[in-house]
């Protein structure tokens, strides 16, 4: 699976796939873990394209956040679709993640 990424200073921005499900979560997280292992511990997920989530996908996001925190890094989510906002609200994961309306806000929060 090809994941689009960009780097802004020390912040890695990854564009999430259309679906964050059991089928896509593994390859997506594998790609991100390679970057984390290479030292990129400040990550923003741009989630404007993601419309379908399942428990495996949500678990992967939580595990990524835990891994980054252990390494003294940070995970933020940006530009959630309406579906993404509803899913995180219903699962109460919106209380666990730093969520930003724009990519610039999310990246800027990590520049401080």
C-alpha atoms as a PDB file:
ATOM      1  CA  UNK A   1       0.000   0.000   0.000  1.00  0.00           C
ATOM      2  CA  UNK A   2       1.350   3.400  -0.961  1.00  0.00           C
ATOM      3  CA  UNK A   3       0.837   6.082   1.679  1.00  0.00           C
ATOM      4  CA  UNK A   4       1.302   9.717   0.722  1.00  0.00           C
ATOM      5  CA  UNK A   5       3.491  11.529   3.232  1.00  0.00           C
ATOM      6  CA  UNK A   6       5.019  14.962   3.544  1.00  0.00           C
ATOM      7  CA  UNK A   7       7.380  16.446   6.078  1.00  0.00           C
ATOM      8  CA  UNK A   8       7.020  19.928   7.546  1.00  0.00           C
ATOM      9  CA  UNK A   9      10.067  20.600   9.703  1.00  0.00           C
ATOM     10  CA  UNK A  10      10.105  17.724  12.173  1.00  0.00           C
ATOM     11  CA  UNK A  11       6.439  16.790  11.603  1.00  0.00           C
ATOM     12  CA  UNK A  12       5.429  13.884   9.386  1.00  0.00           C
ATOM     13  CA  UNK A  13       2.050  14.302   7.680  1.00  0.00           C
ATOM     14  CA  UNK A  14       0.448  11.099   6.412  1.00  0.00           C
ATOM     15  CA  UNK A  15      -2.678  11.020   4.292  1.00  0.00           C
ATOM     16  CA  UNK A  16      -4.924   8.228   5.516  1.00  0.00           C
ATOM     17  CA  UNK A  17      -6.576   5.802   3.084  1.00  0.00           C
ATOM     18  CA  UNK A  18     -10.277   5.941   2.177  1.00  0.00           C
ATOM     19  CA  UNK A  19     -10.903   3.043   4.529  1.00  0.00           C
ATOM     20  CA  UNK A  20      -9.206   2.381   7.862  1.00  0.00           C
ATOM     21  CA  UNK A  21     -10.266  -1.205   8.310  1.00  0.00           C
ATOM     22  CA  UNK A  22      -8.809  -4.587   9.109  1.00  0.00           C
ATOM     23  CA  UNK A  23      -7.665  -4.870   5.487  1.00  0.00           C
ATOM     24  CA  UNK A  24      -5.873  -1.509   5.332  1.00  0.00           C
ATOM     25  CA  UNK A  25      -4.833  -0.828   8.932  1.00  0.00           C
ATOM     26  CA  UNK A  26      -1.926  -3.291   8.927  1.00  0.00           C
ATOM     27  CA  UNK A  27      -0.164  -2.008   5.803  1.00  0.00           C
ATOM     28  CA  UNK A  28      -0.909   1.601   6.748  1.00  0.00           C
ATOM     29  CA  UNK A  29       0.552   1.181  10.233  1.00  0.00           C
ATOM     30  CA  UNK A  30       3.532  -0.740   8.885  1.00  0.00           C
ATOM     31  CA  UNK A  31       4.397   2.220   6.670  1.00  0.00           C
ATOM     32  CA  UNK A  32       4.016   4.672   9.539  1.00  0.00           C
ATOM     33  CA  UNK A  33       6.007   2.490  11.933  1.00  0.00           C
ATOM     34  CA  UNK A  34       8.939   2.577   9.496  1.00  0.00           C
ATOM     35  CA  UNK A  35       8.927   6.368   9.741  1.00  0.00           C
ATOM     36  CA  UNK A  36       8.585   6.254  13.528  1.00  0.00           C
ATOM     37  CA  UNK A  37      11.486   3.805  13.739  1.00  0.00           C
ATOM     38  CA  UNK A  38      13.495   6.254  11.610  1.00  0.00           C
ATOM     39  CA  UNK A  39      12.892   8.933  14.261  1.00  0.00           C
ATOM     40  CA  UNK A  40       9.827  10.778  13.024  1.00  0.00           C
ATOM     41  CA  UNK A  41       7.841  10.866  16.260  1.00  0.00           C
ATOM     42  CA  UNK A  42       5.617  13.874  15.576  1.00  0.00           C
ATOM     43  CA  UNK A  43       2.853  12.709  13.251  1.00  0.00           C
ATOM     44  CA  UNK A  44      -0.276  14.323  11.841  1.00  0.00           C
ATOM     45  CA  UNK A  45      -2.812  12.150  10.079  1.00  0.00           C
ATOM     46  CA  UNK A  46      -4.736  14.065   7.433  1.00  0.00           C
ATOM     47  CA  UNK A  47      -8.022  12.163   7.454  1.00  0.00           C
ATOM     48  CA  UNK A  48     -10.211  14.070   5.001  1.00  0.00           C
ATOM     49  CA  UNK A  49     -10.491  11.064   2.666  1.00  0.00           C
ATOM     50  CA  UNK A  50     -11.265   8.417   5.284  1.00  0.00           C
ATOM     51  CA  UNK A  51     -14.934   7.476   5.252  1.00  0.00           C
ATOM     52  CA  UNK A  52     -14.985   3.914   6.584  1.00  0.00           C
ATOM     53  CA  UNK A  53     -13.638   2.760   9.946  1.00  0.00           C
ATOM     54  CA  UNK A  54     -13.818  -0.513  11.816  1.00  0.00           C
ATOM     55  CA  UNK A  55     -12.541  -1.635  15.199  1.00  0.00           C
ATOM     56  CA  UNK A  56      -9.210  -2.812  13.749  1.00  0.00           C
ATOM     57  CA  UNK A  57      -8.646   0.596  12.188  1.00  0.00           C
ATOM     58  CA  UNK A  58      -9.494   2.459  15.374  1.00  0.00           C
ATOM     59  CA  UNK A  59      -7.296   0.118  17.407  1.00  0.00           C
ATOM     60  CA  UNK A  60      -4.414   0.836  15.031  1.00  0.00           C
ATOM     61  CA  UNK A  61      -4.802   4.582  15.602  1.00  0.00           C
ATOM     62  CA  UNK A  62      -4.768   4.123  19.373  1.00  0.00           C
ATOM     63  CA  UNK A  63      -1.714   1.863  19.158  1.00  0.00           C
ATOM     64  CA  UNK A  64       0.123   4.420  17.013  1.00  0.00           C
ATOM     65  CA  UNK A  65      -0.648   7.129  19.527  1.00  0.00           C
ATOM     66  CA  UNK A  66       0.613   4.926  22.392  1.00  0.00           C
ATOM     67  CA  UNK A  67       3.824   4.130  20.491  1.00  0.00           C
ATOM     68  CA  UNK A  68       4.495   7.807  19.783  1.00  0.00           C
ATOM     69  CA  UNK A  69       3.862   8.779  23.406  1.00  0.00           C
ATOM     70  CA  UNK A  70       6.320   6.121  24.587  1.00  0.00           C
ATOM     71  CA  UNK A  71       8.921   7.744  22.325  1.00  0.00           C
ATOM     72  CA  UNK A  72       8.033  11.228  23.642  1.00  0.00           C
ATOM     73  CA  UNK A  73       6.286  12.061  20.387  1.00  0.00           C
ATOM     74  CA  UNK A  74       2.774  13.107  19.507  1.00  0.00           C
ATOM     75  CA  UNK A  75      -0.082  12.160  17.180  1.00  0.00           C
ATOM     76  CA  UNK A  76      -2.688  14.605  15.943  1.00  0.00           C
ATOM     77  CA  UNK A  77      -5.609  14.119  13.581  1.00  0.00           C
ATOM     78  CA  UNK A  78      -6.672  16.760  11.083  1.00  0.00           C
ATOM     79  CA  UNK A  79      -9.486  17.444   8.637  1.00  0.00           C
ATOM     80  CA  UNK A  80     -11.710  14.565   9.734  1.00  0.00           C
ATOM     81  CA  UNK A  81     -14.615  13.827   7.440  1.00  0.00           C
ATOM     82  CA  UNK A  82     -18.095  14.057   8.937  1.00  0.00           C
ATOM     83  CA  UNK A  83     -18.108  10.269   9.138  1.00  0.00           C
ATOM     84  CA  UNK A  84     -14.786  10.300  10.965  1.00  0.00           C
ATOM     85  CA  UNK A  85     -16.056  12.889  13.435  1.00  0.00           C
ATOM     86  CA  UNK A  86     -19.162  10.784  14.147  1.00  0.00           C
ATOM     87  CA  UNK A  87     -17.182   7.573  14.596  1.00  0.00           C
ATOM     88  CA  UNK A  88     -14.729   9.182  17.015  1.00  0.00           C
ATOM     89  CA  UNK A  89     -17.593  10.834  18.891  1.00  0.00           C
ATOM     90  CA  UNK A  90     -19.613   7.617  19.254  1.00  0.00           C
ATOM     91  CA  UNK A  91     -16.546   5.650  20.378  1.00  0.00           C
ATOM     92  CA  UNK A  92     -15.464   8.549  22.618  1.00  0.00           C
ATOM     93  CA  UNK A  93     -12.030   8.466  20.985  1.00  0.00           C
ATOM     94  CA  UNK A  94     -12.460  12.158  20.221  1.00  0.00           C
ATOM     95  CA  UNK A  95     -11.469  12.660  23.870  1.00  0.00           C
ATOM     96  CA  UNK A  96      -8.235  10.742  23.404  1.00  0.00           C
ATOM     97  CA  UNK A  97      -6.850  12.413  20.282  1.00  0.00           C
ATOM     98  CA  UNK A  98      -5.812  15.970  19.513  1.00  0.00           C
ATOM     99  CA  UNK A  99      -8.117  16.840  16.622  1.00  0.00           C
ATOM    100  CA  UNK A 100      -7.728  19.895  14.399  1.00  0.00           C
ATOM    101  CA  UNK A 101      -9.944  21.339  11.681  1.00  0.00           C
ATOM    102  CA  UNK A 102      -6.986  22.148   9.431  1.00  0.00           C
ATOM    103  CA  UNK A 103      -3.670  20.576   8.608  1.00  0.00           C
ATOM    104  CA  UNK A 104      -1.879  23.860   9.281  1.00  0.00           C
ATOM    105  CA  UNK A 105      -3.288  24.042  12.809  1.00  0.00           C
ATOM    106  CA  UNK A 106      -2.253  20.462  13.524  1.00  0.00           C
ATOM    107  CA  UNK A 107       1.286  20.950  12.224  1.00  0.00           C
ATOM    108  CA  UNK A 108       1.538  24.308  13.982  1.00  0.00           C
ATOM    109  CA  UNK A 109       0.594  22.751  17.308  1.00  0.00           C
ATOM    110  CA  UNK A 110       3.701  20.571  17.062  1.00  0.00           C
ATOM    111  CA  UNK A 111       6.034  23.437  16.194  1.00  0.00           C
ATOM    112  CA  UNK A 112       5.635  25.020  19.627  1.00  0.00           C
END
